[in-house]
């Protein structure tokens, strides 16, 4: 049986990052409009609002194209609009030297991204196609360098300008998140353009899955468009206070529509995130060779212990990888989720829920591995054909002479004569 491909698509990750960036751009437009009303149009001109709306439109367009998996050269227009805004900031007389370096790298990143898309999706730049396939990660690398430069600029301001530690922390986290999101958009768009069916690294095959050792007892039946109901009575307390897990989880119990999951994460102010932690902890207790975890305890730790949620994401992603491999679905989420949980915490729950949905809806398709059966080749002894018996007085030479005369007079053809000759001579 061929292993299933990973359900985590680079276009999905890039689309989510672009959607979050669009929301941040919307916030900037609202803030700029409010400041313009407070301080007047001379301090905050209308061009700032216009460019803010253009950026919002560009990121929303990129998010829609990536989430709908629409691979088109129109993606380059979105990156081109963002590149024009970066060039505008680069040549602004009010931009400091440190920010000029950052805007220069950002401009180069978006321009290269637009050219990469044109080279890969059209015939306009055929000479750059192979180069684009080799250096598809360069635009995202430019954003990574921007993060380093911005950090150094903030350190310089903290120690030599006296900007204040609070300003340093606020700018560090806000810029790190914004730059990380844009880098994810660039990285995922380039990877998806080169390999639409691959992950974040084109040309790298996912880790081989172990042979499936079990199949799901039942498939998801009625959870196509809504969140499944968490299993009731899945845990029982022993008389000694011990904690035991019920390994049988009803099919569809952890399924949740990705659209609903993303909307709940964005607009419930963290409430759904903690509900999801509780549900996922219960679901992953079915992993073999792993001790069961109390979902209530894990929920409280994630709520009140700083940074414990990052640790929970990493350990839960490890269990999810193990469960996926046991069902014949390749998965390698743990490292990726750990990195994203540190910088962009909203993305790991989306990736993990996507993998859970794949398990809930596709686990029943995985069949136990069966080794191919070897069948020894069958050999048969050559058949012996006895020579044809001739009637007494039969003379082959006379017969051949008779047919030769018929050939010479044109009564038979050369092919008929040759066939008769082979028949008489037993050839």
Protein backbone atom coordinates (compact mmCIF):
# COMPACT_ATOMS: atom_id res chain seq x y z
CA UNK A 1 0.00 0.00 0.00
CA UNK A 2 1.28 3.45 -0.87
CA UNK A 3 1.63 5.75 2.13
CA UNK A 4 -0.72 8.67 2.32
CA UNK A 5 0.64 12.13 1.78
CA UNK A 6 0.69 14.62 4.58
CA UNK A 7 -2.46 16.70 4.89
CA UNK A 8 -0.54 19.80 5.96
CA UNK A 9 -0.21 21.92 2.84
CA UNK A 10 2.18 24.86 2.47
CA UNK A 11 -0.63 26.84 0.82
CA UNK A 12 -2.77 26.37 3.95
CA UNK A 13 -0.01 27.66 6.24
CA UNK A 14 0.76 30.57 3.93
CA UNK A 15 -2.91 31.47 3.59
CA UNK A 16 -3.40 31.54 7.34
CA UNK A 17 -0.31 33.72 7.81
CA UNK A 18 -1.49 36.09 5.07
CA UNK A 19 -4.95 36.32 6.65
CA UNK A 20 -3.47 37.22 10.03
CA UNK A 21 -1.23 39.82 8.36
CA UNK A 22 -4.31 41.28 6.66
CA UNK A 23 -5.97 41.63 10.08
CA UNK A 24 -2.88 43.43 11.39
CA UNK A 25 -2.98 45.73 8.35
CA UNK A 26 -6.63 46.48 9.09
CA UNK A 27 -5.69 47.43 12.65
CA UNK A 28 -3.01 49.78 11.32
CA UNK A 29 -5.52 51.46 9.00
CA UNK A 30 -7.95 51.98 11.88
CA UNK A 31 -5.20 53.34 14.15
CA UNK A 32 -3.90 55.67 11.44
CA UNK A 33 -7.40 57.02 10.80
CA UNK A 34 -7.90 57.63 14.49
CA UNK A 35 -4.57 59.44 14.83
CA UNK A 36 -5.42 61.54 11.78
CA UNK A 37 -8.61 62.72 13.45
CA UNK A 38 -6.71 63.51 16.66
CA UNK A 39 -3.64 65.27 15.26
CA UNK A 40 -4.84 66.54 11.92
CA UNK A 41 -4.10 65.72 8.24
CA UNK A 42 -0.79 67.57 8.27
CA UNK A 43 0.78 65.03 10.63
CA UNK A 44 -1.03 61.99 9.20
CA UNK A 45 -1.75 62.59 5.48
CA UNK A 46 -4.40 60.71 3.55
CA UNK A 47 -1.76 58.85 1.54
CA UNK A 48 -1.00 56.74 4.61
CA UNK A 49 -4.59 55.51 4.73
CA UNK A 50 -4.58 54.83 0.98
CA UNK A 51 -1.43 52.74 1.17
CA UNK A 52 -2.76 50.97 4.26
CA UNK A 53 -5.90 49.96 2.38
CA UNK A 54 -3.77 48.78 -0.56
CA UNK A 55 -1.68 46.60 1.76
CA UNK A 56 -4.82 45.24 3.41
CA UNK A 57 -6.24 44.36 -0.01
CA UNK A 58 -2.98 42.76 -1.15
CA UNK A 59 -2.65 40.50 1.89
CA UNK A 60 -6.35 39.58 1.82
CA UNK A 61 -6.01 38.69 -1.88
CA UNK A 62 -2.94 36.52 -1.18
CA UNK A 63 -4.75 34.80 1.69
CA UNK A 64 -7.76 34.01 -0.51
CA UNK A 65 -5.62 32.66 -3.37
CA UNK A 66 -3.53 30.47 -1.06
CA UNK A 67 -6.44 29.11 0.95
CA UNK A 68 -8.37 28.30 -2.24
CA UNK A 69 -5.21 26.82 -3.80
CA UNK A 70 -5.49 29.07 -6.87
CA UNK A 71 -2.04 28.91 -8.45
CA UNK A 72 -1.96 31.94 -10.74
CA UNK A 73 0.48 34.61 -11.87
CA UNK A 74 -1.94 37.10 -10.27
CA UNK A 75 -0.18 36.28 -7.00
CA UNK A 76 2.76 38.34 -8.28
CA UNK A 77 0.48 41.42 -8.39
CA UNK A 78 -0.19 41.14 -4.66
CA UNK A 79 3.52 40.91 -3.89
CA UNK A 80 4.19 43.74 -6.36
CA UNK A 81 1.84 46.08 -4.47
CA UNK A 82 3.60 45.26 -1.21
CA UNK A 83 6.99 45.85 -2.88
CA UNK A 84 5.86 49.33 -4.04
CA UNK A 85 4.92 50.23 -0.47
CA UNK A 86 8.32 49.09 0.78
CA UNK A 87 10.05 51.18 -1.89
CA UNK A 88 7.94 54.18 -0.86
CA UNK A 89 9.12 53.78 2.73
CA UNK A 90 12.70 53.24 1.56
CA UNK A 91 12.88 56.61 -0.24
CA UNK A 92 10.89 58.54 2.33
CA UNK A 93 12.91 61.48 3.72
CA UNK A 94 11.68 60.66 7.24
CA UNK A 95 13.13 57.12 7.28
CA UNK A 96 16.20 56.57 9.47
CA UNK A 97 19.31 54.79 8.25
CA UNK A 98 18.62 51.56 10.16
CA UNK A 99 15.11 51.39 8.74
CA UNK A 100 16.41 52.07 5.24
CA UNK A 101 18.41 48.84 5.44
CA UNK A 102 15.32 46.98 6.58
CA UNK A 103 13.10 48.47 3.87
CA UNK A 104 15.77 47.71 1.29
CA UNK A 105 15.79 44.03 2.23
CA UNK A 106 12.00 43.89 2.40
CA UNK A 107 11.71 45.55 -1.02
CA UNK A 108 14.21 43.07 -2.48
CA UNK A 109 12.32 40.15 -0.91
CA UNK A 110 8.95 41.09 -2.41
CA UNK A 111 10.42 42.01 -5.81
CA UNK A 112 12.24 38.67 -5.97
CA UNK A 113 9.03 36.89 -4.94
CA UNK A 114 7.09 38.56 -7.75
CA UNK A 115 9.79 37.65 -10.29
CA UNK A 116 9.90 34.09 -8.98
CA UNK A 117 6.17 33.68 -9.55
CA UNK A 118 6.39 35.15 -13.04
CA UNK A 119 9.29 32.83 -13.91
CA UNK A 120 7.56 29.70 -12.59
CA UNK A 121 3.98 30.34 -13.71
CA UNK A 122 4.51 31.97 -17.12
CA UNK A 123 6.85 31.80 -20.10
CA UNK A 124 7.92 35.44 -19.72
CA UNK A 125 11.22 34.66 -17.93
CA UNK A 126 12.28 31.16 -19.05
CA UNK A 127 15.96 31.78 -18.31
CA UNK A 128 15.20 32.42 -14.63
CA UNK A 129 13.08 29.33 -14.10
CA UNK A 130 15.85 26.96 -12.99
CA UNK A 131 17.39 29.68 -10.84
CA UNK A 132 14.03 30.27 -9.16
CA UNK A 133 13.68 26.55 -8.39
CA UNK A 134 17.11 26.48 -6.74
CA UNK A 135 16.82 29.71 -4.72
CA UNK A 136 13.10 29.77 -3.90
CA UNK A 137 13.85 30.34 -0.20
CA UNK A 138 15.84 33.58 -0.68
CA UNK A 139 12.88 36.01 -0.27
CA UNK A 140 11.99 34.47 3.09
CA UNK A 141 15.67 34.54 4.08
CA UNK A 142 15.71 38.29 3.46
CA UNK A 143 12.88 38.69 5.98
CA UNK A 144 14.85 36.61 8.48
CA UNK A 145 17.78 39.00 8.07
CA UNK A 146 15.35 41.90 8.63
CA UNK A 147 14.38 40.39 11.98
CA UNK A 148 18.05 40.32 13.00
CA UNK A 149 18.62 43.91 11.84
CA UNK A 150 15.52 45.12 13.67
CA UNK A 151 16.67 43.42 16.86
CA UNK A 152 20.09 45.08 16.62
CA UNK A 153 18.45 48.46 16.01
CA UNK A 154 16.28 48.02 19.10
CA UNK A 155 19.30 47.05 21.20
CA UNK A 156 21.12 50.15 19.94
CA UNK A 157 18.16 52.31 20.89
CA UNK A 158 17.91 50.72 24.32
CA UNK A 159 21.54 51.20 25.33
CA UNK A 160 22.65 54.27 23.37
CA UNK A 161 19.51 56.32 22.71
CA UNK A 162 17.57 55.61 25.88
CA UNK A 163 14.34 54.38 24.28
CA UNK A 164 13.33 52.50 27.42
CA UNK A 165 12.99 48.82 28.24
CA UNK A 166 9.20 48.78 27.87
CA UNK A 167 9.43 50.21 24.35
CA UNK A 168 12.15 47.65 23.56
CA UNK A 169 9.97 44.69 24.64
CA UNK A 170 6.85 46.01 22.91
CA UNK A 171 8.64 46.65 19.61
CA UNK A 172 10.58 43.39 19.83
CA UNK A 173 7.48 41.21 20.05
CA UNK A 174 5.32 43.22 17.66
CA UNK A 175 8.01 43.39 14.96
CA UNK A 176 9.06 39.79 15.45
CA UNK A 177 5.49 38.54 14.98
CA UNK A 178 4.83 40.77 11.97
CA UNK A 179 8.10 39.91 10.25
CA UNK A 180 7.71 36.21 11.04
CA UNK A 181 4.23 36.16 9.50
CA UNK A 182 5.45 37.82 6.31
CA UNK A 183 8.39 35.40 6.13
CA UNK A 184 5.95 32.48 6.44
CA UNK A 185 3.84 33.92 3.60
CA UNK A 186 6.90 34.19 1.34
CA UNK A 187 8.27 30.78 2.27
CA UNK A 188 4.98 28.92 1.86
CA UNK A 189 4.01 30.65 -1.38
CA UNK A 190 7.35 29.82 -2.99
CA UNK A 191 7.26 26.22 -1.76
CA UNK A 192 3.67 25.71 -2.92
CA UNK A 193 4.39 27.22 -6.34
CA UNK A 194 7.26 24.80 -6.95
CA UNK A 195 5.54 21.74 -5.47
CA UNK A 196 1.74 22.11 -5.05
CA UNK A 197 1.46 18.68 -3.39
CA UNK A 198 4.46 19.07 -1.12
CA UNK A 199 5.14 20.67 2.22
CA UNK A 200 7.39 23.53 3.25
CA UNK A 201 10.48 22.06 1.60
CA UNK A 202 10.05 21.14 -2.10
CA UNK A 203 11.86 18.01 -3.16
CA UNK A 204 12.10 16.64 0.39
CA UNK A 205 9.93 13.57 0.86
CA UNK A 206 8.06 13.18 4.14
CA UNK A 207 9.33 10.67 6.65
CA UNK A 208 8.33 7.15 5.69
CA UNK A 209 5.42 5.81 7.59
CA UNK A 210 5.64 2.55 9.44
CA UNK A 211 3.29 -0.18 8.25
CA UNK A 212 -0.17 0.38 9.62
CA UNK A 213 -0.83 -2.00 12.48
CA UNK A 214 -4.49 -1.24 13.07
CA UNK A 215 -7.52 0.26 11.37
CA UNK A 216 -10.13 2.49 12.91
CA UNK A 217 -13.12 0.69 14.31
CA UNK A 218 -15.50 3.05 12.48
CA UNK A 219 -15.28 6.06 10.20
CA UNK A 220 -16.50 9.58 10.73
CA UNK A 221 -20.16 9.65 9.77
CA UNK A 222 -21.82 12.96 10.44
CA UNK A 223 -18.99 15.42 11.18
CA UNK A 224 -18.40 16.89 7.73
CA UNK A 225 -19.22 20.48 8.53
CA UNK A 226 -19.23 20.83 12.31
CA UNK A 227 -17.15 20.09 15.37
CA UNK A 228 -17.53 16.59 16.74
CA UNK A 229 -18.81 15.97 20.24
CA UNK A 230 -16.17 15.09 22.81
CA UNK A 231 -16.60 11.53 24.14
CA UNK A 232 -18.43 11.40 27.43
CA UNK A 233 -17.25 9.21 30.24
CA UNK A 234 -13.85 8.71 28.71
CA UNK A 235 -12.06 8.87 32.05
CA UNK A 236 -12.69 7.30 35.44
CA UNK A 237 -11.08 7.78 38.80
CA UNK A 238 -10.04 4.69 40.67
CA UNK A 239 -10.61 4.27 44.39
CA UNK A 240 -6.98 5.08 45.06
CA UNK A 241 -7.23 8.34 43.15
CA UNK A 242 -5.54 6.98 40.02
CA UNK A 243 -6.34 8.18 36.52
CA UNK A 244 -7.22 5.83 33.68
CA UNK A 245 -8.02 6.57 30.05
CA UNK A 246 -10.56 4.89 27.83
CA UNK A 247 -8.67 4.08 24.66
CA UNK A 248 -11.72 3.75 22.45
CA UNK A 249 -12.58 7.19 21.08
CA UNK A 250 -15.75 7.48 18.95
CA UNK A 251 -15.06 8.31 15.33
CA UNK A 252 -15.57 11.99 14.58
CA UNK A 253 -15.28 13.01 18.24
CA UNK A 254 -12.34 15.34 17.58
CA UNK A 255 -13.28 16.46 14.08
CA UNK A 256 -13.84 20.18 13.55
CA UNK A 257 -14.39 22.08 10.32
CA UNK A 258 -11.25 24.06 9.53
CA UNK A 259 -13.21 27.21 8.69
CA UNK A 260 -15.05 27.08 12.01
CA UNK A 261 -11.84 26.23 13.88
CA UNK A 262 -9.94 29.22 12.45
CA UNK A 263 -12.84 31.63 13.06
CA UNK A 264 -13.23 30.46 16.64
CA UNK A 265 -9.51 30.86 17.29
CA UNK A 266 -9.55 34.40 15.90
CA UNK A 267 -12.76 35.77 17.40
CA UNK A 268 -13.33 34.06 20.78
CA UNK A 269 -10.42 35.83 22.52
CA UNK A 270 -8.70 32.58 23.53
CA UNK A 271 -11.77 30.77 24.88
CA UNK A 272 -11.91 28.26 22.02
CA UNK A 273 -8.15 27.74 22.23
CA UNK A 274 -8.45 26.39 25.78
CA UNK A 275 -11.48 24.29 24.87
CA UNK A 276 -9.44 22.86 22.00
CA UNK A 277 -6.56 22.03 24.39
CA UNK A 278 -8.97 20.05 26.58
CA UNK A 279 -10.50 18.19 23.61
CA UNK A 280 -7.17 17.42 21.99
CA UNK A 281 -5.65 16.14 25.23
CA UNK A 282 -8.52 13.66 25.57
CA UNK A 283 -8.24 12.62 21.94
CA UNK A 284 -4.50 11.95 22.08
CA UNK A 285 -4.83 9.66 25.10
CA UNK A 286 -5.55 6.86 22.64
CA UNK A 287 -1.90 6.84 21.51
CA UNK A 288 -0.30 3.53 22.39
CA UNK A 289 2.78 3.32 24.63
CA UNK A 290 2.10 6.82 26.00
CA UNK A 291 0.82 7.50 29.53
CA UNK A 292 -2.65 9.10 29.68
CA UNK A 293 -2.87 12.77 30.57
CA UNK A 294 -5.57 14.46 32.61
CA UNK A 295 -7.13 17.09 30.29
CA UNK A 296 -8.26 19.26 33.21
CA UNK A 297 -4.75 19.37 34.64
CA UNK A 298 -3.20 20.20 31.29
CA UNK A 299 -5.80 22.91 30.70
CA UNK A 300 -5.04 24.58 34.03
CA UNK A 301 -1.30 24.39 33.43
CA UNK A 302 -1.68 26.01 30.00
CA UNK A 303 -3.86 28.76 31.47
CA UNK A 304 -1.77 29.71 34.51
CA UNK A 305 1.83 28.55 33.90
CA UNK A 306 3.80 30.85 31.56
CA UNK A 307 5.08 29.17 28.39
CA UNK A 308 3.61 25.79 29.38
CA UNK A 309 1.32 25.96 26.35
CA UNK A 310 4.39 25.85 24.09
CA UNK A 311 5.56 22.66 25.84
CA UNK A 312 2.05 21.18 25.56
CA UNK A 313 1.95 21.95 21.83
CA UNK A 314 5.29 20.18 21.30
CA UNK A 315 4.40 17.05 23.29
CA UNK A 316 0.91 16.83 21.78
CA UNK A 317 2.34 17.20 18.27
CA UNK A 318 4.70 14.32 19.04
CA UNK A 319 1.75 12.14 20.07
CA UNK A 320 -0.13 13.20 16.96
CA UNK A 321 2.84 12.19 14.78
CA UNK A 322 2.95 8.81 16.49
CA UNK A 323 -0.78 8.26 16.06
CA UNK A 324 -0.62 9.26 12.40
CA UNK A 325 2.27 6.90 11.65
CA UNK A 326 0.46 4.02 13.38
CA UNK A 327 -2.43 4.54 10.96
CA UNK A 328 -0.30 4.75 7.85
CA UNK A 329 -0.28 8.56 7.44
CA UNK A 330 3.16 10.24 7.31
CA UNK A 331 3.52 13.10 9.78
CA UNK A 332 6.34 15.23 11.15
CA UNK A 333 4.65 18.13 12.93
CA UNK A 334 6.44 18.31 16.28
CA UNK A 335 9.47 20.42 15.31
CA UNK A 336 7.49 22.73 13.03
CA UNK A 337 4.81 23.29 15.68
CA UNK A 338 7.42 24.01 18.34
CA UNK A 339 9.04 26.74 16.22
CA UNK A 340 5.71 28.27 15.21
CA UNK A 341 4.38 28.14 18.79
CA UNK A 342 7.25 30.38 19.90
CA UNK A 343 6.72 33.06 17.24
CA UNK A 344 3.18 32.64 15.79
CA UNK A 345 1.18 30.74 18.37
CA UNK A 346 -2.07 30.63 16.43
CA UNK A 347 -0.76 28.45 13.60
CA UNK A 348 0.12 25.18 15.48
CA UNK A 349 -3.51 24.58 16.61
CA UNK A 350 -4.60 24.96 13.00
CA UNK A 351 -1.98 22.51 11.70
CA UNK A 352 -2.72 19.99 14.43
CA UNK A 353 -6.48 20.17 13.92
CA UNK A 354 -5.97 19.67 10.20
CA UNK A 355 -4.01 16.50 10.95
CA UNK A 356 -6.67 15.32 13.41
CA UNK A 357 -9.33 15.83 10.74
CA UNK A 358 -7.26 13.72 8.36
CA UNK A 359 -7.09 10.95 10.95
CA UNK A 360 -10.81 11.13 11.72
CA UNK A 361 -11.92 11.08 8.09
CA UNK A 362 -9.20 8.93 6.54
CA UNK A 363 -8.05 6.47 9.19
CA UNK A 364 -10.62 3.94 8.06
CA UNK A 365 -9.01 3.85 4.63
CA UNK A 366 -5.67 2.65 5.99
CA UNK A 367 -5.36 -1.11 5.58
CA UNK A 368 -2.95 -3.35 7.49
CA UNK A 369 0.23 -3.97 5.61
CA UNK A 370 0.51 -7.36 3.98
CA UNK A 371 3.84 -8.60 2.68
CA UNK A 372 3.75 -9.69 -0.93
CA UNK A 373 3.42 -13.44 -1.33
CA UNK A 374 6.18 -15.17 -3.27
CA UNK A 375 5.05 -17.78 -5.76
CA UNK A 376 7.65 -20.09 -7.20
CA UNK A 377 7.65 -20.11 -11.00
CA UNK A 378 6.12 -23.21 -12.58
CA UNK A 379 8.19 -25.12 -15.08
CA UNK A 380 6.82 -27.72 -17.48
CA UNK A 381 8.79 -30.38 -19.27
CA UNK A 382 9.11 -29.92 -23.04
CA UNK A 383 6.49 -31.83 -24.95
CA UNK A 384 7.79 -34.54 -27.31
CA UNK A 385 6.01 -34.91 -30.60
CA UNK A 386 6.41 -38.18 -32.36
CA UNK A 387 7.36 -38.00 -36.07
CA UNK A 388 4.48 -38.31 -38.47
CA UNK A 389 3.94 -41.79 -39.77
CA UNK A 390 4.25 -42.18 -43.54
CA UNK A 391 2.16 -44.53 -45.59
CA UNK A 392 4.03 -47.38 -47.31
CA UNK A 393 5.41 -46.46 -50.72
CA UNK A 394 5.37 -42.75 -49.96
CA UNK A 395 8.34 -40.97 -51.61
CA UNK A 396 9.17 -37.42 -50.43
CA UNK A 397 11.30 -36.70 -53.49
CA UNK A 398 8.48 -37.58 -55.88
CA UNK A 399 6.06 -35.42 -53.95
CA UNK A 400 8.50 -32.48 -54.01
CA UNK A 401 9.02 -32.90 -57.74
CA UNK A 402 5.25 -32.92 -58.29
CA UNK A 403 4.78 -29.64 -56.41
CA UNK A 404 7.81 -28.15 -58.19
CA UNK A 405 6.15 -28.82 -61.51
CA UNK A 406 2.97 -27.18 -60.27
CA UNK A 407 5.04 -24.16 -59.19
CA UNK A 408 6.77 -23.94 -62.56
CA UNK A 409 3.52 -23.97 -64.46
CA UNK A 410 2.03 -21.33 -62.16
CA UNK A 411 -0.63 -23.54 -60.56
CA UNK A 412 0.64 -22.70 -57.05
CA UNK A 413 2.58 -19.80 -55.59
CA UNK A 414 6.06 -19.80 -54.10
CA UNK A 415 4.63 -19.45 -50.57
CA UNK A 416 2.37 -22.46 -51.05
CA UNK A 417 5.31 -24.47 -52.37
CA UNK A 418 7.51 -23.52 -49.40
CA UNK A 419 4.79 -24.44 -46.95
CA UNK A 420 4.23 -27.82 -48.58
CA UNK A 421 7.99 -28.44 -48.67
CA UNK A 422 8.28 -27.82 -44.91
CA UNK A 423 5.33 -30.12 -44.31
CA UNK A 424 6.87 -32.96 -46.37
CA UNK A 425 10.30 -32.57 -44.79
CA UNK A 426 8.88 -32.26 -41.24
CA UNK A 427 10.64 -28.94 -40.76
